[in-house]
Amino acid sequence: MLILIPFNTYALDKDYNDLVYKIVDKEVEEGKINIYFFHKTSCPHCKKEGKLLDELEKKYDNINIYRFETSSSSVNSNYLKQVKTLFGETSLGVPFTVIGEKTFLGYNEYVGDEIEKTIQKYLEENIETEKEKSTFELPVI
């Protein structure tokens, strides 16, 4: 007699590719999506996106949100320049958010929806892929 036990592993969707982690010296944890949020304290759009990211951080276990305040940190400002150069972005504006190879410049409700859809895309595809791998059989002794 065999019992099927679900065993969750967390491997990211094959389309997820983190290009930023080396620039900002962060780790890519297995099964987690890194989100890079470049912002300024004085920016009202940045504050709104920051609130959304706070909510998403509570909602999704498999995300890491890295926040880089650029107006008071020359290191973070330099990170922003390098990341924008990597993606061919010429605007100096914030908020600027990167998830995988997708970037978001500015913030409004539409951008907020697109950020969450991007997270869901990686996680849903991951869940679908993992469903096939997530069950293994243990013999009953």
C-alpha atoms as a PDB file:
ATOM      1  CA  MET A   1       0.000   0.000   0.000  1.00  0.00           C
ATOM      2  CA  LEU A   2       1.300   3.451  -0.918  1.00  0.00           C
ATOM      3  CA  ILE A   3       0.380   6.826   0.479  1.00  0.00           C
ATOM      4  CA  LEU A   4       0.663   9.913  -1.693  1.00  0.00           C
ATOM      5  CA  ILE A   5       2.099  12.836   0.211  1.00  0.00           C
ATOM      6  CA  PRO A   6       2.249  16.275  -1.344  1.00  0.00           C
ATOM      7  CA  PHE A   7       5.747  17.661  -1.248  1.00  0.00           C
ATOM      8  CA  ASN A   8       6.088  21.279  -2.229  1.00  0.00           C
ATOM      9  CA  THR A   9       9.296  22.440  -3.771  1.00  0.00           C
ATOM     10  CA  TYR A  10       9.789  25.960  -4.930  1.00  0.00           C
ATOM     11  CA  ALA A  11      11.548  26.367  -8.235  1.00  0.00           C
ATOM     12  CA  LEU A  12      10.842  29.481 -10.233  1.00  0.00           C
ATOM     13  CA  ASP A  13       9.150  29.455 -13.582  1.00  0.00           C
ATOM     14  CA  LYS A  14      11.560  28.920 -16.469  1.00  0.00           C
ATOM     15  CA  ASP A  15      10.811  32.428 -17.786  1.00  0.00           C
ATOM     16  CA  TYR A  16      11.961  34.127 -14.571  1.00  0.00           C
ATOM     17  CA  ASN A  17      15.424  35.563 -15.057  1.00  0.00           C
ATOM     18  CA  ASP A  18      16.866  37.896 -12.431  1.00  0.00           C
ATOM     19  CA  LEU A  19      19.341  40.231 -14.115  1.00  0.00           C
ATOM     20  CA  VAL A  20      19.610  42.746 -11.260  1.00  0.00           C
ATOM     21  CA  TYR A  21      20.829  40.718  -8.281  1.00  0.00           C
ATOM     22  CA  LYS A  22      24.516  41.001  -9.187  1.00  0.00           C
ATOM     23  CA  ILE A  23      24.342  44.786  -9.552  1.00  0.00           C
ATOM     24  CA  VAL A  24      22.732  45.314  -6.137  1.00  0.00           C
ATOM     25  CA  ASP A  25      24.585  42.434  -4.443  1.00  0.00           C
ATOM     26  CA  LYS A  26      21.558  40.359  -3.466  1.00  0.00           C
ATOM     27  CA  GLU A  27      20.947  36.619  -3.487  1.00  0.00           C
ATOM     28  CA  VAL A  28      18.536  34.729  -5.684  1.00  0.00           C
ATOM     29  CA  GLU A  29      16.785  32.388  -3.285  1.00  0.00           C
ATOM     30  CA  GLU A  30      15.408  29.185  -4.699  1.00  0.00           C
ATOM     31  CA  GLY A  31      11.676  29.490  -5.144  1.00  0.00           C
ATOM     32  CA  LYS A  32      11.506  33.262  -4.565  1.00  0.00           C
ATOM     33  CA  ILE A  33      10.980  36.150  -6.937  1.00  0.00           C
ATOM     34  CA  ASN A  34      13.085  39.235  -6.301  1.00  0.00           C
ATOM     35  CA  ILE A  35      11.434  42.612  -6.756  1.00  0.00           C
ATOM     36  CA  TYR A  36      13.670  45.693  -6.927  1.00  0.00           C
ATOM     37  CA  PHE A  37      11.984  48.993  -6.045  1.00  0.00           C
ATOM     38  CA  PHE A  38      13.896  52.242  -6.625  1.00  0.00           C
ATOM     39  CA  HIS A  39      12.204  55.255  -5.070  1.00  0.00           C
ATOM     40  CA  LYS A  40      12.563  58.673  -3.444  1.00  0.00           C
ATOM     41  CA  THR A  41      11.118  59.631  -0.066  1.00  0.00           C
ATOM     42  CA  SER A  42       9.602  62.841  -1.446  1.00  0.00           C
ATOM     43  CA  CYS A  43       7.858  61.149  -4.399  1.00  0.00           C
ATOM     44  CA  PRO A  44       4.075  60.718  -3.932  1.00  0.00           C
ATOM     45  CA  HIS A  45       3.885  58.015  -6.614  1.00  0.00           C
ATOM     46  CA  CYS A  46       6.688  56.136  -4.862  1.00  0.00           C
ATOM     47  CA  LYS A  47       4.743  56.257  -1.594  1.00  0.00           C
ATOM     48  CA  LYS A  48       1.665  54.769  -3.272  1.00  0.00           C
ATOM     49  CA  GLU A  49       3.678  51.993  -4.865  1.00  0.00           C
ATOM     50  CA  GLY A  50       5.447  51.375  -1.557  1.00  0.00           C
ATOM     51  CA  LYS A  51       2.066  50.758   0.087  1.00  0.00           C
ATOM     52  CA  LEU A  52       1.114  48.323  -2.666  1.00  0.00           C
ATOM     53  CA  LEU A  53       4.402  46.471  -2.248  1.00  0.00           C
ATOM     54  CA  ASP A  54       3.783  46.257   1.519  1.00  0.00           C
ATOM     55  CA  GLU A  55       0.433  44.580   0.780  1.00  0.00           C
ATOM     56  CA  LEU A  56       1.946  42.222  -1.799  1.00  0.00           C
ATOM     57  CA  GLU A  57       4.686  41.249   0.630  1.00  0.00           C
ATOM     58  CA  LYS A  58       2.014  40.118   3.099  1.00  0.00           C
ATOM     59  CA  LYS A  59      -0.002  38.358   0.391  1.00  0.00           C
ATOM     60  CA  TYR A  60       2.777  36.354  -1.304  1.00  0.00           C
ATOM     61  CA  ASP A  61       5.284  34.246   0.614  1.00  0.00           C
ATOM     62  CA  ASN A  62       7.538  33.659  -2.377  1.00  0.00           C
ATOM     63  CA  ILE A  63       8.703  37.225  -3.009  1.00  0.00           C
ATOM     64  CA  ASN A  64      11.586  39.316  -1.750  1.00  0.00           C
ATOM     65  CA  ILE A  65      11.181  43.067  -2.085  1.00  0.00           C
ATOM     66  CA  TYR A  66      14.380  45.085  -2.067  1.00  0.00           C
ATOM     67  CA  ARG A  67      13.893  48.816  -1.620  1.00  0.00           C
ATOM     68  CA  PHE A  68      16.456  51.386  -2.704  1.00  0.00           C
ATOM     69  CA  GLU A  69      15.906  55.003  -1.640  1.00  0.00           C
ATOM     70  CA  THR A  70      17.870  56.992  -4.221  1.00  0.00           C
ATOM     71  CA  SER A  71      17.711  60.628  -3.090  1.00  0.00           C
ATOM     72  CA  SER A  72      19.800  60.199   0.067  1.00  0.00           C
ATOM     73  CA  SER A  73      22.079  57.347  -1.024  1.00  0.00           C
ATOM     74  CA  SER A  74      24.688  57.710  -3.732  1.00  0.00           C
ATOM     75  CA  VAL A  75      25.144  53.913  -3.692  1.00  0.00           C
ATOM     76  CA  ASN A  76      21.429  53.346  -4.393  1.00  0.00           C
ATOM     77  CA  SER A  77      21.418  56.118  -6.997  1.00  0.00           C
ATOM     78  CA  ASN A  78      24.334  54.408  -8.726  1.00  0.00           C
ATOM     79  CA  TYR A  79      22.485  51.064  -8.598  1.00  0.00           C
ATOM     80  CA  LEU A  80      19.513  52.743 -10.271  1.00  0.00           C
ATOM     81  CA  LYS A  81      21.706  54.119 -13.073  1.00  0.00           C
ATOM     82  CA  GLN A  82      23.301  50.717 -13.672  1.00  0.00           C
ATOM     83  CA  VAL A  83      19.958  48.906 -13.673  1.00  0.00           C
ATOM     84  CA  LYS A  84      18.386  51.424 -16.045  1.00  0.00           C
ATOM     85  CA  THR A  85      21.388  51.118 -18.364  1.00  0.00           C
ATOM     86  CA  LEU A  86      21.016  47.322 -18.290  1.00  0.00           C
ATOM     87  CA  PHE A  87      17.402  47.630 -19.463  1.00  0.00           C
ATOM     88  CA  GLY A  88      18.027  50.482 -21.921  1.00  0.00           C
ATOM     89  CA  GLU A  89      15.900  52.894 -19.889  1.00  0.00           C
ATOM     90  CA  THR A  90      16.859  56.532 -20.412  1.00  0.00           C
ATOM     91  CA  SER A  91      14.423  58.207 -18.024  1.00  0.00           C
ATOM     92  CA  LEU A  92      15.806  59.262 -14.659  1.00  0.00           C
ATOM     93  CA  GLY A  93      12.376  59.022 -13.019  1.00  0.00           C
ATOM     94  CA  VAL A  94      11.177  56.945 -10.108  1.00  0.00           C
ATOM     95  CA  PRO A  95       9.510  54.836  -9.002  1.00  0.00           C
ATOM     96  CA  PHE A  96      11.331  52.256 -11.053  1.00  0.00           C
ATOM     97  CA  THR A  97      10.602  48.609 -10.328  1.00  0.00           C
ATOM     98  CA  VAL A  98      12.096  45.452 -11.785  1.00  0.00           C
ATOM     99  CA  ILE A  99      10.678  41.933 -11.608  1.00  0.00           C
ATOM    100  CA  GLY A 100      12.646  39.425 -13.658  1.00  0.00           C
ATOM    101  CA  GLU A 101      13.153  41.031 -17.042  1.00  0.00           C
ATOM    102  CA  LYS A 102      10.083  43.267 -16.743  1.00  0.00           C
ATOM    103  CA  THR A 103      10.393  46.909 -15.695  1.00  0.00           C
ATOM    104  CA  PHE A 104       7.826  49.411 -14.445  1.00  0.00           C
ATOM    105  CA  LEU A 105       8.419  53.162 -14.572  1.00  0.00           C
ATOM    106  CA  GLY A 106       6.071  55.439 -12.658  1.00  0.00           C
ATOM    107  CA  TYR A 107       3.046  54.351 -10.719  1.00  0.00           C
ATOM    108  CA  ASN A 108      -0.730  54.363 -11.083  1.00  0.00           C
ATOM    109  CA  GLU A 109      -3.459  51.728 -10.634  1.00  0.00           C
ATOM    110  CA  TYR A 110      -2.694  50.146 -13.989  1.00  0.00           C
ATOM    111  CA  VAL A 111       0.999  49.754 -13.116  1.00  0.00           C
ATOM    112  CA  GLY A 112       0.037  48.309  -9.729  1.00  0.00           C
ATOM    113  CA  ASP A 113      -2.195  45.743 -11.432  1.00  0.00           C
ATOM    114  CA  GLU A 114       0.594  44.862 -13.868  1.00  0.00           C
ATOM    115  CA  ILE A 115       3.080  44.387 -11.021  1.00  0.00           C
ATOM    116  CA  GLU A 116       0.743  41.925  -9.308  1.00  0.00           C
ATOM    117  CA  LYS A 117      -0.056  40.144 -12.584  1.00  0.00           C
ATOM    118  CA  THR A 118       3.666  39.707 -13.198  1.00  0.00           C
ATOM    119  CA  ILE A 119       4.102  38.157  -9.744  1.00  0.00           C
ATOM    120  CA  GLN A 120       1.101  35.895 -10.301  1.00  0.00           C
ATOM    121  CA  LYS A 121       2.373  34.838 -13.725  1.00  0.00           C
ATOM    122  CA  TYR A 122       5.642  33.583 -12.271  1.00  0.00           C
ATOM    123  CA  LEU A 123       3.926  31.952  -9.291  1.00  0.00           C
ATOM    124  CA  GLU A 124       1.006  30.392 -11.200  1.00  0.00           C
ATOM    125  CA  GLU A 125       3.275  28.920 -13.819  1.00  0.00           C
ATOM    126  CA  ASN A 126       5.530  27.733 -11.028  1.00  0.00           C
ATOM    127  CA  ILE A 127       2.589  26.106  -9.241  1.00  0.00           C
ATOM    128  CA  GLU A 128       1.429  24.420 -12.455  1.00  0.00           C
ATOM    129  CA  THR A 129       4.926  23.105 -13.114  1.00  0.00           C
ATOM    130  CA  GLU A 130       5.332  22.024  -9.518  1.00  0.00           C
ATOM    131  CA  LYS A 131       1.989  20.169  -9.455  1.00  0.00           C
ATOM    132  CA  GLU A 132       3.546  17.619 -11.748  1.00  0.00           C
ATOM    133  CA  LYS A 133       6.594  17.311  -9.480  1.00  0.00           C
ATOM    134  CA  SER A 134       4.953  17.860  -6.110  1.00  0.00           C
ATOM    135  CA  THR A 135       3.644  14.404  -5.320  1.00  0.00           C
ATOM    136  CA  PHE A 136       5.830  11.478  -4.568  1.00  0.00           C
ATOM    137  CA  GLU A 137       5.048   8.088  -3.155  1.00  0.00           C
ATOM    138  CA  LEU A 138       6.284   6.729   0.150  1.00  0.00           C
ATOM    139  CA  PRO A 139       5.907   3.076   0.909  1.00  0.00           C
ATOM    140  CA  VAL A 140       3.888   2.268   4.004  1.00  0.00           C
ATOM    141  CA  ILE A 141       5.802  -0.046   6.267  1.00  0.00           C
END
